[in-house]
Amino acid sequence: MDSYNPEHAPVANEWLEIDEDERLMLVEQYHRDARIRLPKSARRVHATMHTIVENQLALNDEPVVKALDRLMREGLTRHDALHAIGYLVSEQIYDILKHNETPDASKARYYAAIERLTAAAWLSGKS
C-alpha cells in the first residue's frame, strides 16, 4: 500500500498487513499532500484517530461499520464520518483514563455513543 485517501476505504487486508507506523505515515502524508492545515502538535494525534477508525473498519467492527454507512447516508463525506467516529474514540480513551473503566464497560459506552451518533449532531457540535 503506497497511499491513503480517507474518501476511499483502503482494502482491508492490505491495510492490516502494513505496520502501524506506516499506516500513521500514510494518513499524515495524505493530510500534508491535501494541504489540510493542522497544528503541528496535533498532526500525530489526528493521524492516530484516523488509523484507529480505519483499523476498526478493516476488522469489520460491526457498530463502527454501520455508523460509517449511516453517517455517509446522512450526508457526511467519508472523511468527515471518520472524524465524527474518531471524536468518539478520543472520548473513549479519555473515559478509560479518567474513570479507570474496564475494557468491557468502555467498549459498551463507545458502542452506545456510536449508535447515537448522527450527521446532524456532528455538524452541530452536539455529538
Protein backbone atom coordinates (compact mmCIF):
# COMPACT_ATOMS: atom_id res chain seq x y z
CA MET A 1 0.00 0.00 0.00
CA ASP A 2 1.57 3.25 -1.08
CA SER A 3 -1.10 5.88 -0.39
CA TYR A 4 -4.15 6.66 1.70
CA ASN A 5 -7.26 8.66 0.89
CA PRO A 6 -9.96 8.92 3.59
CA GLU A 7 -12.65 9.27 0.92
CA HIS A 8 -11.95 5.70 -0.24
CA ALA A 9 -11.84 2.71 2.06
CA PRO A 10 -8.46 1.03 1.98
CA VAL A 11 -8.50 -2.65 1.04
CA ALA A 12 -8.91 -4.21 4.49
CA ASN A 13 -6.31 -6.95 4.24
CA GLU A 14 -3.75 -4.59 2.66
CA TRP A 15 -4.36 -2.00 5.40
CA LEU A 16 -4.00 -4.55 8.18
CA GLU A 17 -0.87 -6.12 6.65
CA ILE A 18 1.18 -2.94 6.86
CA ASP A 19 2.90 -1.82 10.03
CA GLU A 20 1.03 0.59 12.32
CA ASP A 21 3.73 3.24 11.88
CA GLU A 22 3.34 3.01 8.12
CA ARG A 23 -0.43 3.47 8.46
CA LEU A 24 0.16 6.61 10.50
CA MET A 25 2.70 7.87 7.97
CA LEU A 26 0.23 7.33 5.09
CA VAL A 27 -2.50 9.25 6.91
CA GLU A 28 -0.13 12.10 7.76
CA GLN A 29 1.12 12.18 4.17
CA TYR A 30 -2.43 12.42 2.82
CA HIS A 31 -3.13 15.45 5.03
CA ARG A 32 0.13 17.13 4.02
CA ASP A 33 -0.49 16.49 0.32
CA ALA A 34 -4.09 17.72 0.60
CA ARG A 35 -2.77 20.85 2.37
CA ILE A 36 -5.09 20.28 5.31
CA ARG A 37 -3.77 22.54 8.00
CA LEU A 38 -3.36 21.03 11.41
CA PRO A 39 -1.43 22.39 14.36
CA LYS A 40 1.97 20.74 14.43
CA SER A 41 1.25 19.33 17.89
CA ALA A 42 -1.99 17.70 16.68
CA ARG A 43 -0.81 16.02 13.47
CA ARG A 44 0.15 12.70 15.05
CA VAL A 45 -2.98 12.58 17.21
CA HIS A 46 -5.15 13.35 14.20
CA ALA A 47 -3.48 10.58 12.19
CA THR A 48 -3.84 8.22 15.13
CA MET A 49 -7.61 8.77 15.29
CA HIS A 50 -7.90 8.13 11.53
CA THR A 51 -5.83 4.99 11.90
CA ILE A 52 -7.82 3.64 14.83
CA VAL A 53 -11.11 4.08 12.98
CA GLU A 54 -9.71 2.62 9.75
CA ASN A 55 -8.42 -0.35 11.79
CA GLN A 56 -11.88 -0.89 13.27
CA LEU A 57 -13.43 -0.73 9.81
CA ALA A 58 -10.84 -3.10 8.31
CA LEU A 59 -11.53 -5.53 11.15
CA ASN A 60 -15.24 -5.27 10.30
CA ASP A 61 -16.18 -3.96 13.76
CA GLU A 62 -19.92 -4.03 13.08
CA PRO A 63 -21.11 -0.99 15.10
CA VAL A 64 -18.37 1.14 13.53
CA VAL A 65 -19.10 -0.13 10.01
CA LYS A 66 -22.81 0.59 10.48
CA ALA A 67 -22.10 4.04 11.87
CA LEU A 68 -19.86 4.96 8.94
CA ASP A 69 -22.51 3.82 6.46
CA ARG A 70 -25.26 5.68 8.34
CA LEU A 71 -23.27 8.92 8.60
CA MET A 72 -22.49 8.85 4.90
CA ARG A 73 -26.15 8.20 4.03
CA GLU A 74 -26.97 11.21 6.21
CA GLY A 75 -24.70 13.36 4.06
CA LEU A 76 -21.22 13.32 5.56
CA THR A 77 -18.24 12.62 3.36
CA ARG A 78 -16.33 9.50 4.34
CA HIS A 79 -13.54 11.72 5.69
CA ASP A 80 -15.95 13.69 7.89
CA ALA A 81 -17.59 10.47 9.08
CA LEU A 82 -14.14 9.19 10.11
CA HIS A 83 -13.65 12.39 12.10
CA ALA A 84 -17.02 12.01 13.82
CA ILE A 85 -16.24 8.44 14.82
CA GLY A 86 -12.68 9.41 15.74
CA TYR A 87 -14.05 12.02 18.12
CA LEU A 88 -15.89 9.24 19.94
CA VAL A 89 -12.68 7.20 20.03
CA SER A 90 -10.96 10.13 21.74
CA GLU A 91 -13.81 10.33 24.26
CA GLN A 92 -13.46 6.61 24.93
CA ILE A 93 -9.73 6.99 25.57
CA TYR A 94 -10.39 9.91 27.91
CA ASP A 95 -13.06 7.94 29.80
CA ILE A 96 -10.74 4.97 30.21
CA LEU A 97 -8.06 7.21 31.68
CA LYS A 98 -10.37 9.34 33.81
CA HIS A 99 -12.76 6.70 35.12
CA ASN A 100 -10.41 3.73 35.10
CA GLU A 101 -13.13 1.78 33.30
CA THR A 102 -12.85 -1.87 32.46
CA PRO A 103 -12.40 -2.61 28.75
CA ASP A 104 -15.90 -4.11 28.55
CA ALA A 105 -17.56 -1.08 30.15
CA SER A 106 -15.58 1.26 27.93
CA LYS A 107 -16.48 -0.68 24.80
CA ALA A 108 -20.17 -0.72 25.75
CA ARG A 109 -20.14 3.05 26.30
CA TYR A 110 -18.32 3.59 22.98
CA TYR A 111 -20.75 1.41 21.02
CA ALA A 112 -23.73 3.17 22.61
CA ALA A 113 -22.28 6.54 21.59
CA ILE A 114 -21.60 5.20 18.06
CA GLU A 115 -25.23 4.09 17.75
CA ARG A 116 -26.50 7.53 18.83
CA LEU A 117 -24.15 9.46 16.54
CA THR A 118 -25.83 11.31 13.69
CA ALA A 119 -24.52 13.60 11.00
CA ALA A 120 -26.76 16.40 12.28
CA ALA A 121 -25.35 16.08 15.80
CA TRP A 122 -21.77 16.00 14.48
CA LEU A 123 -22.29 19.05 12.26
CA SER A 124 -23.93 20.99 15.08
CA GLY A 125 -21.15 20.12 17.51
CA LYS A 126 -23.51 18.17 19.76
CA SER A 127 -22.07 14.69 19.24
